[in-house]
Protein backbone atom coordinates (compact mmCIF):
# COMPACT_ATOMS: atom_id res chain seq x y z
CA MET A 1 89.63 76.60 120.76
CA LEU A 2 90.13 78.83 118.03
CA ALA A 3 89.97 75.80 115.17
CA ALA A 4 86.50 74.55 117.32
CA THR A 5 85.27 77.99 116.68
CA VAL A 6 86.03 78.15 112.97
CA ASP A 7 84.34 75.02 112.65
CA GLU A 8 81.56 76.41 114.54
CA LEU A 9 81.25 79.34 112.09
CA SER A 10 81.53 77.13 109.22
CA GLU A 11 78.49 74.70 110.22
CA ARG A 12 76.38 77.21 112.34
CA GLY A 13 77.31 80.40 111.22
CA TYR A 14 77.34 83.80 113.25
CA ALA A 15 73.98 84.33 114.12
CA ALA A 16 73.69 80.84 115.83
CA PHE A 17 77.06 80.66 117.38
CA THR A 18 77.55 80.08 120.86
CA VAL A 19 80.58 79.89 123.45
CA ASP A 20 79.26 76.58 124.99
CA ASN A 21 79.25 74.78 121.04
CA VAL A 22 82.59 75.90 120.81
CA ALA A 23 83.49 74.56 124.44
CA GLN A 24 81.89 71.61 123.79
CA ARG A 25 83.83 70.65 120.45
CA ALA A 26 86.98 72.01 122.15
CA GLY A 27 86.46 69.78 125.02
CA VAL A 28 86.55 72.08 127.58
CA HIS A 29 84.20 74.20 130.24
CA LYS A 30 82.96 77.50 129.05
CA THR A 31 84.57 78.76 131.81
CA THR A 32 88.11 77.89 130.42
CA VAL A 33 86.84 79.76 126.97
CA TYR A 34 85.68 82.63 129.41
CA ARG A 35 88.87 83.14 130.76
CA ARG A 36 91.05 83.84 128.07
CA TRP A 37 88.18 85.78 125.73
CA PRO A 38 85.50 87.80 127.43
CA ASP A 39 82.86 87.17 125.14
CA ARG A 40 82.02 85.56 121.94
CA ASP A 41 83.08 88.61 119.74
CA SER A 42 86.92 88.36 121.13
CA LEU A 43 86.91 84.47 120.58
CA ILE A 44 85.85 85.11 116.99
CA THR A 45 87.93 87.69 116.27
CA ASP A 46 91.06 85.99 117.14
CA ALA A 47 89.59 82.78 115.66
CA LEU A 48 89.36 84.27 112.28
CA ALA A 49 92.89 86.32 112.41
CA ASP A 50 94.46 82.62 113.24
CA SER A 51 92.65 81.04 110.45
CA VAL A 52 93.88 83.51 107.94
CA ALA A 53 97.36 83.52 109.50
CA ALA A 54 97.56 80.06 109.60
CA GLU A 55 96.02 79.32 105.98
CA ILE A 56 97.75 82.19 104.20
CA PRO A 57 101.58 82.48 104.71
CA MET A 58 103.81 85.28 103.77
CA PRO A 59 106.18 83.92 101.60
CA ASP A 60 109.77 84.71 101.22
CA THR A 61 110.83 83.49 97.52
CA GLY A 62 113.45 86.16 97.27
CA SER A 63 111.38 87.61 94.50
CA ILE A 64 108.44 90.18 95.06
CA GLU A 65 106.64 88.53 92.03
CA ASP A 66 107.11 84.94 93.46
CA ASP A 67 106.56 86.41 96.70
CA LEU A 68 102.70 88.20 95.64
CA ARG A 69 101.92 85.41 93.32
CA ALA A 70 101.99 82.77 96.23
CA LEU A 71 100.37 85.04 98.70
CA ALA A 72 97.73 85.77 95.90
CA ARG A 73 97.23 81.76 95.65
CA SER A 74 97.02 81.36 98.92
CA LEU A 75 94.16 83.63 99.68
CA VAL A 76 92.25 81.90 96.48
CA ALA A 77 92.81 78.29 97.95
CA TRP A 78 91.77 79.77 101.25
CA ILE A 79 88.79 81.54 99.86
CA ASN A 80 87.98 78.25 98.25
CA SER A 81 88.22 76.18 101.34
CA PRO A 82 85.44 75.81 104.24
CA SER A 83 87.25 77.84 106.60
CA GLY A 84 87.66 81.01 104.39
CA ARG A 85 83.97 80.46 103.19
CA ALA A 86 83.27 80.43 106.67
CA VAL A 87 85.05 83.28 107.78
CA LEU A 88 84.03 85.34 105.16
CA ALA A 89 80.12 84.73 105.64
CA VAL A 90 81.13 86.22 109.18
CA MET A 91 82.68 89.21 107.66
CA LEU A 92 80.27 90.16 105.26
CA SER A 93 77.29 89.58 107.80
CA PRO A 94 76.88 93.28 108.76
CA ALA A 95 76.08 93.57 104.85
CA ALA A 96 73.07 91.20 105.27
CA ASP A 97 71.87 93.11 108.54
CA LEU A 98 73.04 90.03 110.66
CA PRO A 99 74.78 90.96 114.12
CA SER A 100 78.55 90.41 113.63
CA PRO A 101 81.65 90.95 115.47
CA PRO A 102 82.54 94.55 115.78
CA ASP A 103 86.10 94.78 114.41
CA ALA A 104 86.75 91.32 112.96
CA THR A 105 87.43 92.58 109.60
CA ARG A 106 89.39 95.48 110.15
CA HIS A 107 91.28 93.45 112.69
CA VAL A 108 91.95 90.50 110.18
CA PHE A 109 92.89 92.67 107.40
CA ARG A 110 95.52 95.08 109.72
CA ASP A 111 96.85 91.49 110.72
CA ARG A 112 97.46 90.89 107.01
CA ILE A 113 99.11 93.88 105.78
CA ARG A 114 100.98 93.96 109.23
CA ARG A 115 102.35 90.61 108.15
CA ALA A 116 103.10 92.06 104.60
CA LEU A 117 105.35 94.33 105.67
CA PRO A 118 108.63 92.62 105.37
CA ILE A 119 107.84 91.28 101.87
CA VAL A 120 107.65 95.11 100.63
CA THR A 121 110.41 95.70 102.82
CA ARG A 122 112.94 93.35 101.00
CA ALA A 123 111.59 93.90 97.83
CA ALA A 124 112.60 97.96 98.09
CA THR A 125 115.84 96.79 99.42
CA ARG A 126 116.59 94.38 96.55
CA GLY A 127 115.66 97.34 94.45
CA GLU A 128 112.59 95.42 92.62
CA ILE A 129 110.28 98.22 93.57
CA PRO A 130 110.84 102.09 94.67
CA SER A 131 112.13 102.42 98.56
CA GLY A 132 108.76 104.04 100.20
CA THR A 133 106.35 101.71 98.71
CA ASP A 134 103.32 101.70 100.89
CA PRO A 135 102.77 97.81 101.93
CA ALA A 136 99.01 98.62 102.92
CA GLU A 137 98.46 99.86 99.51
CA LEU A 138 100.28 97.11 97.62
CA VAL A 139 98.47 94.34 99.42
CA LYS A 140 95.08 95.93 99.01
CA THR A 141 95.85 95.97 95.23
CA LEU A 142 96.68 92.71 95.11
CA VAL A 143 93.52 91.38 96.90
CA ALA A 144 90.91 93.84 95.22
CA PRO A 145 90.65 91.90 92.14
CA ILE A 146 90.20 88.55 93.84
CA TYR A 147 87.47 89.65 96.48
CA LEU A 148 85.67 91.51 93.86
CA ARG A 149 84.97 88.29 91.95
CA VAL A 150 84.09 86.06 95.00
CA LEU A 151 81.71 88.91 96.97
CA ILE A 152 80.71 91.36 93.98
CA THR A 153 80.23 89.46 90.95
CA ARG A 154 80.31 86.13 92.08
CA GLU A 155 82.69 84.72 89.95
CA PRO A 156 84.86 81.34 90.76
CA VAL A 157 88.41 82.36 91.76
CA ASN A 158 91.45 80.16 90.70
CA ASP A 159 95.28 80.26 90.05
CA GLU A 160 94.79 82.27 86.91
CA THR A 161 92.83 84.83 88.89
CA ALA A 162 95.73 85.22 91.25
CA ASP A 163 98.14 85.26 89.10
CA ALA A 164 96.68 88.13 87.23
CA ALA A 165 96.29 90.05 90.43
CA ALA A 166 99.96 89.76 91.58
CA THR A 167 101.14 91.26 88.00
CA LEU A 168 98.61 93.52 88.39
CA ALA A 169 99.80 94.68 92.09
CA ILE A 170 103.50 94.24 90.79
CA THR A 171 103.03 96.99 87.92
CA ALA A 172 101.43 99.39 90.07
CA ALA A 173 104.01 99.36 92.38
CA ARG A 174 107.34 99.62 90.05
CA ALA A 175 105.14 102.36 88.55
CA GLY A 176 105.51 104.19 91.84
CA LEU A 177 101.60 104.35 92.23
CA PHE A 178 102.19 103.50 95.96
CA THR A 179 104.82 105.73 97.35
């Protein structure tokens, strides 16, 4: 049902999104959907978080530089995918004065930061970054240049963009800016 939700968002957008259409795509009755999700916003929020978690896995390469580079490259690949574009469109709908899920964006980013905690903890344990480095600030610094290009300046993003963002984030972390 979560994949059907992302597909529905990709094709129709948030404004035309219905639970009936998701149920039909998933081959279930809409009551099956409502048993698990009380409303369309909670279904969408879970679908967005699931999509991002599946398509942007948290790496464990043994190196903070490689982990951040892999994470940034996964983010760029996702942003350039149909599901990534659909998720971003839903997350940005408040900016366009369209109705949107109330906490979808915060939920997705909180989940990403929570999942990144082990990357930061492992790096601090290995001595690659200062102990006490704030994972949230490190992740925000990693993704900010990518999202700036996609959402503000409308520039394309690629692996070079991802690599530059990773270099920026690791340099700032090593300088102690996130402790």
